[in-house]
Amino acid sequence: MKVAVSIPDSLYEAADQLARQRGLDRSALYARALSRFLADEDGDVLTDMINATCAETGREDLAELASADLLDSGSWEW
């Protein structure tokens, strides 16, 4: 799909330079950047849901315990 967006000249130039350095066309660079941004935003939604659940149960330590368990068990991939 073709999309027209307006961005500052300096951002365009930096993105264009990075695309050349990485051997990508601008469309591929922008698609990759947008995909990463959306994935980060989804992570924030999950974090918000966990925090809300912890607040509802009155167990503020649940999020910390859950993350520690994931790290200790090795089931979390970086």
PDB file of N, CA and C in Angstrom:
ATOM      1  N   MET A   1       0.852  -1.166   0.000  1.00  0.00           N
ATOM      2  CA  MET A   1       0.000   0.000   0.000  1.00  0.00           C
ATOM      3  C   MET A   1       0.895   1.225   0.000  1.00  0.00           C
ATOM      4  N   LYS A   2       0.543   2.193  -0.760  1.00  0.00           N
ATOM      5  CA  LYS A   2       1.277   3.451  -0.768  1.00  0.00           C
ATOM      6  C   LYS A   2       0.635   4.421   0.201  1.00  0.00           C
ATOM      7  N   VAL A   3       1.493   5.118   0.954  1.00  0.00           N
ATOM      8  CA  VAL A   3       1.030   6.077   1.949  1.00  0.00           C
ATOM      9  C   VAL A   3       1.898   7.321   1.833  1.00  0.00           C
ATOM     10  N   ALA A   4       1.279   8.476   1.928  1.00  0.00           N
ATOM     11  CA  ALA A   4       2.030   9.736   1.944  1.00  0.00           C
ATOM     12  C   ALA A   4       1.974  10.302   3.355  1.00  0.00           C
ATOM     13  N   VAL A   5       3.139  10.612   3.902  1.00  0.00           N
ATOM     14  CA  VAL A   5       3.223  11.207   5.232  1.00  0.00           C
ATOM     15  C   VAL A   5       4.173  12.395   5.177  1.00  0.00           C
ATOM     16  N   SER A   6       3.994  13.297   6.114  1.00  0.00           N
ATOM     17  CA  SER A   6       4.893  14.440   6.227  1.00  0.00           C
ATOM     18  C   SER A   6       5.762  14.260   7.455  1.00  0.00           C
ATOM     19  N   ILE A   7       7.076  14.377   7.256  1.00  0.00           N
ATOM     20  CA  ILE A   7       8.024  14.280   8.362  1.00  0.00           C
ATOM     21  C   ILE A   7       9.029  15.418   8.210  1.00  0.00           C
ATOM     22  N   PRO A   8       9.686  15.794   9.293  1.00  0.00           N
ATOM     23  CA  PRO A   8      10.693  16.854   9.206  1.00  0.00           C
ATOM     24  C   PRO A   8      11.830  16.454   8.255  1.00  0.00           C
ATOM     25  N   ASP A   9      12.395  17.433   7.588  1.00  0.00           N
ATOM     26  CA  ASP A   9      13.494  17.184   6.650  1.00  0.00           C
ATOM     27  C   ASP A   9      14.646  16.440   7.314  1.00  0.00           C
ATOM     28  N   SER A  10      14.984  16.832   8.541  1.00  0.00           N
ATOM     29  CA  SER A  10      16.114  16.202   9.219  1.00  0.00           C
ATOM     30  C   SER A  10      15.851  14.715   9.481  1.00  0.00           C
ATOM     31  N   LEU A  11      14.621  14.360   9.809  1.00  0.00           N
ATOM     32  CA  LEU A  11      14.275  12.957  10.029  1.00  0.00           C
ATOM     33  C   LEU A  11      14.340  12.183   8.719  1.00  0.00           C
ATOM     34  N   TYR A  12      13.848  12.784   7.662  1.00  0.00           N
ATOM     35  CA  TYR A  12      13.901  12.160   6.337  1.00  0.00           C
ATOM     36  C   TYR A  12      15.350  11.886   5.938  1.00  0.00           C
ATOM     37  N   GLU A  13      16.211  12.880   6.117  1.00  0.00           N
ATOM     38  CA  GLU A  13      17.616  12.740   5.725  1.00  0.00           C
ATOM     39  C   GLU A  13      18.320  11.676   6.559  1.00  0.00           C
ATOM     40  N   ALA A  14      18.051  11.645   7.857  1.00  0.00           N
ATOM     41  CA  ALA A  14      18.660  10.627   8.720  1.00  0.00           C
ATOM     42  C   ALA A  14      18.172   9.233   8.329  1.00  0.00           C
ATOM     43  N   ALA A  15      16.896   9.095   8.040  1.00  0.00           N
ATOM     44  CA  ALA A  15      16.339   7.797   7.637  1.00  0.00           C
ATOM     45  C   ALA A  15      16.905   7.368   6.292  1.00  0.00           C
ATOM     46  N   ASP A  16      17.025   8.302   5.369  1.00  0.00           N
ATOM     47  CA  ASP A  16      17.570   8.005   4.052  1.00  0.00           C
ATOM     48  C   ASP A  16      19.020   7.526   4.168  1.00  0.00           C
ATOM     49  N   GLN A  17      19.800   8.190   5.014  1.00  0.00           N
ATOM     50  CA  GLN A  17      21.188   7.798   5.217  1.00  0.00           C
ATOM     51  C   GLN A  17      21.276   6.403   5.843  1.00  0.00           C
ATOM     52  N   LEU A  18      20.452   6.148   6.845  1.00  0.00           N
ATOM     53  CA  LEU A  18      20.458   4.832   7.489  1.00  0.00           C
ATOM     54  C   LEU A  18      20.044   3.744   6.504  1.00  0.00           C
ATOM     55  N   ALA A  19      19.049   4.016   5.688  1.00  0.00           N
ATOM     56  CA  ALA A  19      18.608   3.034   4.698  1.00  0.00           C
ATOM     57  C   ALA A  19      19.753   2.686   3.743  1.00  0.00           C
ATOM     58  N   ARG A  20      20.476   3.690   3.290  1.00  0.00           N
ATOM     59  CA  ARG A  20      21.617   3.435   2.394  1.00  0.00           C
ATOM     60  C   ARG A  20      22.683   2.605   3.104  1.00  0.00           C
ATOM     61  N   GLN A  21      22.974   2.947   4.358  1.00  0.00           N
ATOM     62  CA  GLN A  21      23.994   2.214   5.119  1.00  0.00           C
ATOM     63  C   GLN A  21      23.617   0.751   5.308  1.00  0.00           C
ATOM     64  N   ARG A  22      22.341   0.499   5.499  1.00  0.00           N
ATOM     65  CA  ARG A  22      21.860  -0.872   5.745  1.00  0.00           C
ATOM     66  C   ARG A  22      21.503  -1.621   4.468  1.00  0.00           C
ATOM     67  N   GLY A  23      21.582  -0.937   3.326  1.00  0.00           N
ATOM     68  CA  GLY A  23      21.230  -1.586   2.065  1.00  0.00           C
ATOM     69  C   GLY A  23      19.737  -1.809   1.903  1.00  0.00           C
ATOM     70  N   LEU A  24      18.944  -0.933   2.499  1.00  0.00           N
ATOM     71  CA  LEU A  24      17.483  -1.039   2.421  1.00  0.00           C
ATOM     72  C   LEU A  24      16.935   0.110   1.587  1.00  0.00           C
ATOM     73  N   ASP A  25      15.777  -0.108   1.008  1.00  0.00           N
ATOM     74  CA  ASP A  25      15.098   1.049   0.430  1.00  0.00           C
ATOM     75  C   ASP A  25      14.310   1.734   1.545  1.00  0.00           C
ATOM     76  N   ARG A  26      13.902   2.965   1.305  1.00  0.00           N
ATOM     77  CA  ARG A  26      13.201   3.711   2.355  1.00  0.00           C
ATOM     78  C   ARG A  26      11.930   3.012   2.805  1.00  0.00           C
ATOM     79  N   SER A  27      11.207   2.425   1.883  1.00  0.00           N
ATOM     80  CA  SER A  27       9.958   1.735   2.253  1.00  0.00           C
ATOM     81  C   SER A  27      10.225   0.615   3.249  1.00  0.00           C
ATOM     82  N   ALA A  28      11.279  -0.156   3.015  1.00  0.00           N
ATOM     83  CA  ALA A  28      11.613  -1.256   3.925  1.00  0.00           C
ATOM     84  C   ALA A  28      12.017  -0.713   5.292  1.00  0.00           C
ATOM     85  N   LEU A  29      12.800   0.370   5.300  1.00  0.00           N
ATOM     86  CA  LEU A  29      13.211   0.969   6.563  1.00  0.00           C
ATOM     87  C   LEU A  29      12.005   1.473   7.343  1.00  0.00           C
ATOM     88  N   TYR A  30      11.113   2.192   6.678  1.00  0.00           N
ATOM     89  CA  TYR A  30       9.934   2.734   7.358  1.00  0.00           C
ATOM     90  C   TYR A  30       9.021   1.612   7.846  1.00  0.00           C
ATOM     91  N   ALA A  31       8.873   0.556   7.051  1.00  0.00           N
ATOM     92  CA  ALA A  31       8.037  -0.576   7.466  1.00  0.00           C
ATOM     93  C   ALA A  31       8.624  -1.250   8.704  1.00  0.00           C
ATOM     94  N   ARG A  32       9.951  -1.424   8.705  1.00  0.00           N
ATOM     95  CA  ARG A  32      10.610  -2.041   9.863  1.00  0.00           C
ATOM     96  C   ARG A  32      10.446  -1.172  11.111  1.00  0.00           C
ATOM     97  N   ALA A  33      10.655   0.129  10.950  1.00  0.00           N
ATOM     98  CA  ALA A  33      10.532   1.048  12.088  1.00  0.00           C
ATOM     99  C   ALA A  33       9.109   1.057  12.630  1.00  0.00           C
ATOM    100  N   LEU A  34       8.130   1.095  11.758  1.00  0.00           N
ATOM    101  CA  LEU A  34       6.739   1.114  12.205  1.00  0.00           C
ATOM    102  C   LEU A  34       6.366  -0.203  12.877  1.00  0.00           C
ATOM    103  N   SER A  35       6.855  -1.309  12.352  1.00  0.00           N
ATOM    104  CA  SER A  35       6.587  -2.610  12.981  1.00  0.00           C
ATOM    105  C   SER A  35       7.148  -2.666  14.390  1.00  0.00           C
ATOM    106  N   ARG A  36       8.371  -2.170  14.554  1.00  0.00           N
ATOM    107  CA  ARG A  36       8.970  -2.161  15.891  1.00  0.00           C
ATOM    108  C   ARG A  36       8.209  -1.247  16.836  1.00  0.00           C
ATOM    109  N   PHE A  37       7.796  -0.091  16.346  1.00  0.00           N
ATOM    110  CA  PHE A  37       7.029   0.840  17.176  1.00  0.00           C
ATOM    111  C   PHE A  37       5.727   0.197  17.636  1.00  0.00           C
ATOM    112  N   LEU A  38       5.023  -0.449  16.713  1.00  0.00           N
ATOM    113  CA  LEU A  38       3.759  -1.093  17.072  1.00  0.00           C
ATOM    114  C   LEU A  38       3.977  -2.230  18.059  1.00  0.00           C
ATOM    115  N   ALA A  39       5.047  -2.979  17.907  1.00  0.00           N
ATOM    116  CA  ALA A  39       5.350  -4.061  18.851  1.00  0.00           C
ATOM    117  C   ALA A  39       5.637  -3.487  20.236  1.00  0.00           C
ATOM    118  N   ASP A  40       6.370  -2.383  20.287  1.00  0.00           N
ATOM    119  CA  ASP A  40       6.642  -1.733  21.572  1.00  0.00           C
ATOM    120  C   ASP A  40       5.356  -1.253  22.218  1.00  0.00           C
ATOM    121  N   GLU A  41       4.463  -0.690  21.436  1.00  0.00           N
ATOM    122  CA  GLU A  41       3.195  -0.208  21.967  1.00  0.00           C
ATOM    123  C   GLU A  41       2.367  -1.360  22.508  1.00  0.00           C
ATOM    124  N   ASP A  42       2.363  -2.505  21.817  1.00  0.00           N
ATOM    125  CA  ASP A  42       1.641  -3.680  22.304  1.00  0.00           C
ATOM    126  C   ASP A  42       2.203  -4.123  23.643  1.00  0.00           C
ATOM    127  N   GLY A  43       3.517  -4.044  23.802  1.00  0.00           N
ATOM    128  CA  GLY A  43       4.144  -4.392  25.074  1.00  0.00           C
ATOM    129  C   GLY A  43       3.674  -3.488  26.189  1.00  0.00           C
ATOM    130  N   ASP A  44       3.481  -2.213  25.870  1.00  0.00           N
ATOM    131  CA  ASP A  44       2.995  -1.270  26.870  1.00  0.00           C
ATOM    132  C   ASP A  44       1.569  -1.625  27.293  1.00  0.00           C
ATOM    133  N   VAL A  45       0.764  -2.082  26.363  1.00  0.00           N
ATOM    134  CA  VAL A  45      -0.603  -2.479  26.685  1.00  0.00           C
ATOM    135  C   VAL A  45      -0.583  -3.670  27.634  1.00  0.00           C
ATOM    136  N   LEU A  46       0.275  -4.632  27.367  1.00  0.00           N
ATOM    137  CA  LEU A  46       0.379  -5.800  28.238  1.00  0.00           C
ATOM    138  C   LEU A  46       0.837  -5.387  29.630  1.00  0.00           C
ATOM    139  N   THR A  47       1.833  -4.522  29.691  1.00  0.00           N
ATOM    140  CA  THR A  47       2.312  -4.035  30.985  1.00  0.00           C
ATOM    141  C   THR A  47       1.203  -3.322  31.740  1.00  0.00           C
ATOM    142  N   ASP A  48       0.429  -2.500  31.042  1.00  0.00           N
ATOM    143  CA  ASP A  48      -0.687  -1.792  31.672  1.00  0.00           C
ATOM    144  C   ASP A  48      -1.721  -2.772  32.218  1.00  0.00           C
ATOM    145  N   MET A  49      -1.991  -3.845  31.469  1.00  0.00           N
ATOM    146  CA  MET A  49      -2.960  -4.836  31.931  1.00  0.00           C
ATOM    147  C   MET A  49      -2.445  -5.552  33.183  1.00  0.00           C
ATOM    148  N   ILE A  50      -1.158  -5.896  33.197  1.00  0.00           N
ATOM    149  CA  ILE A  50      -0.577  -6.554  34.373  1.00  0.00           C
ATOM    150  C   ILE A  50      -0.641  -5.629  35.575  1.00  0.00           C
ATOM    151  N   ASN A  51      -0.265  -4.378  35.372  1.00  0.00           N
ATOM    152  CA  ASN A  51      -0.298  -3.414  36.470  1.00  0.00           C
ATOM    153  C   ASN A  51      -1.709  -3.216  37.003  1.00  0.00           C
ATOM    154  N   ALA A  52      -2.701  -3.160  36.110  1.00  0.00           N
ATOM    155  CA  ALA A  52      -4.093  -2.991  36.535  1.00  0.00           C
ATOM    156  C   ALA A  52      -4.544  -4.191  37.359  1.00  0.00           C
ATOM    157  N   THR A  53      -4.177  -5.385  36.932  1.00  0.00           N
ATOM    158  CA  THR A  53      -4.543  -6.591  37.673  1.00  0.00           C
ATOM    159  C   THR A  53      -3.912  -6.587  39.060  1.00  0.00           C
ATOM    160  N   CYS A  54      -2.642  -6.195  39.117  1.00  0.00           N
ATOM    161  CA  CYS A  54      -1.960  -6.131  40.416  1.00  0.00           C
ATOM    162  C   CYS A  54      -2.635  -5.119  41.332  1.00  0.00           C
ATOM    163  N   ALA A  55      -3.030  -3.990  40.779  1.00  0.00           N
ATOM    164  CA  ALA A  55      -3.692  -2.956  41.577  1.00  0.00           C
ATOM    165  C   ALA A  55      -5.051  -3.445  42.079  1.00  0.00           C
ATOM    166  N   GLU A  56      -5.785  -4.174  41.228  1.00  0.00           N
ATOM    167  CA  GLU A  56      -7.103  -4.687  41.606  1.00  0.00           C
ATOM    168  C   GLU A  56      -7.003  -5.720  42.727  1.00  0.00           C
ATOM    169  N   THR A  57      -5.959  -6.523  42.705  1.00  0.00           N
ATOM    170  CA  THR A  57      -5.826  -7.580  43.706  1.00  0.00           C
ATOM    171  C   THR A  57      -5.148  -7.098  44.976  1.00  0.00           C
ATOM    172  N   GLY A  58      -4.599  -5.883  44.922  1.00  0.00           N
ATOM    173  CA  GLY A  58      -3.895  -5.368  46.081  1.00  0.00           C
ATOM    174  C   GLY A  58      -2.534  -5.999  46.275  1.00  0.00           C
ATOM    175  N   ARG A  59      -2.056  -6.671  45.260  1.00  0.00           N
ATOM    176  CA  ARG A  59      -0.757  -7.335  45.331  1.00  0.00           C
ATOM    177  C   ARG A  59       0.207  -6.640  44.374  1.00  0.00           C
ATOM    178  N   GLU A  60       0.770  -5.547  44.805  1.00  0.00           N
ATOM    179  CA  GLU A  60       1.691  -4.772  43.978  1.00  0.00           C
ATOM    180  C   GLU A  60       2.951  -5.564  43.626  1.00  0.00           C
ATOM    181  N   ASP A  61       3.261  -6.600  44.408  1.00  0.00           N
ATOM    182  CA  ASP A  61       4.478  -7.366  44.181  1.00  0.00           C
ATOM    183  C   ASP A  61       4.322  -8.442  43.110  1.00  0.00           C
ATOM    184  N   LEU A  62       3.114  -8.661  42.596  1.00  0.00           N
ATOM    185  CA  LEU A  62       2.897  -9.735  41.632  1.00  0.00           C
ATOM    186  C   LEU A  62       3.683  -9.536  40.343  1.00  0.00           C
ATOM    187  N   ALA A  63       3.727  -8.326  39.825  1.00  0.00           N
ATOM    188  CA  ALA A  63       4.450  -8.075  38.576  1.00  0.00           C
ATOM    189  C   ALA A  63       5.934  -8.365  38.747  1.00  0.00           C
ATOM    190  N   GLU A  64       6.494  -7.941  39.877  1.00  0.00           N
ATOM    191  CA  GLU A  64       7.906  -8.186  40.139  1.00  0.00           C
ATOM    192  C   GLU A  64       8.168  -9.683  40.286  1.00  0.00           C
ATOM    193  N   LEU A  65       7.285 -10.368  40.987  1.00  0.00           N
ATOM    194  CA  LEU A  65       7.444 -11.807  41.156  1.00  0.00           C
ATOM    195  C   LEU A  65       7.326 -12.543  39.832  1.00  0.00           C
ATOM    196  N   ALA A  66       6.378 -12.135  39.002  1.00  0.00           N
ATOM    197  CA  ALA A  66       6.182 -12.788  37.707  1.00  0.00           C
ATOM    198  C   ALA A  66       7.399 -12.605  36.818  1.00  0.00           C
ATOM    199  N   SER A  67       7.927 -11.392  36.763  1.00  0.00           N
ATOM    200  CA  SER A  67       9.095 -11.164  35.907  1.00  0.00           C
ATOM    201  C   SER A  67      10.307 -11.904  36.444  1.00  0.00           C
ATOM    202  N   ALA A  68      10.476 -11.973  37.754  1.00  0.00           N
ATOM    203  CA  ALA A  68      11.597 -12.698  38.336  1.00  0.00           C
ATOM    204  C   ALA A  68      11.470 -14.186  38.019  1.00  0.00           C
ATOM    205  N   ASP A  69      10.259 -14.724  38.081  1.00  0.00           N
ATOM    206  CA  ASP A  69      10.040 -16.133  37.786  1.00  0.00           C
ATOM    207  C   ASP A  69      10.367 -16.432  36.335  1.00  0.00           C
ATOM    208  N   LEU A  70       9.968 -15.553  35.414  1.00  0.00           N
ATOM    209  CA  LEU A  70      10.274 -15.763  33.998  1.00  0.00           C
ATOM    210  C   LEU A  70      11.779 -15.766  33.757  1.00  0.00           C
ATOM    211  N   LEU A  71      12.477 -14.836  34.397  1.00  0.00           N
ATOM    212  CA  LEU A  71      13.921 -14.758  34.207  1.00  0.00           C
ATOM    213  C   LEU A  71      14.620 -15.962  34.820  1.00  0.00           C
ATOM    214  N   ASP A  72      14.184 -16.367  36.008  1.00  0.00           N
ATOM    215  CA  ASP A  72      14.811 -17.495  36.690  1.00  0.00           C
ATOM    216  C   ASP A  72      14.563 -18.810  35.971  1.00  0.00           C
ATOM    217  N   SER A  73      13.392 -18.950  35.376  1.00  0.00           N
ATOM    218  CA  SER A  73      13.045 -20.217  34.745  1.00  0.00           C
ATOM    219  C   SER A  73      13.678 -20.372  33.372  1.00  0.00           C
ATOM    220  N   GLY A  74      14.201 -19.278  32.820  1.00  0.00           N
ATOM    221  CA  GLY A  74      14.794 -19.348  31.495  1.00  0.00           C
ATOM    222  C   GLY A  74      13.773 -19.410  30.386  1.00  0.00           C
ATOM    223  N   SER A  75      12.502 -19.186  30.706  1.00  0.00           N
ATOM    224  CA  SER A  75      11.465 -19.263  29.686  1.00  0.00           C
ATOM    225  C   SER A  75      11.281 -17.974  28.930  1.00  0.00           C
ATOM    226  N   TRP A  76      12.034 -16.955  29.291  1.00  0.00           N
ATOM    227  CA  TRP A  76      11.929 -15.660  28.632  1.00  0.00           C
ATOM    228  C   TRP A  76      13.121 -15.507  27.704  1.00  0.00           C
ATOM    229  N   GLU A  77      12.857 -15.188  26.423  1.00  0.00           N
ATOM    230  CA  GLU A  77      13.930 -15.001  25.452  1.00  0.00           C
ATOM    231  C   GLU A  77      14.128 -13.528  25.203  1.00  0.00           C
ATOM    232  N   TRP A  78      15.385 -13.093  25.158  1.00  0.00           N
ATOM    233  CA  TRP A  78      15.700 -11.695  24.866  1.00  0.00           C
ATOM    234  C   TRP A  78      15.997 -11.538  23.423  1.00  0.00           C
TER     235      TRP A  78
END
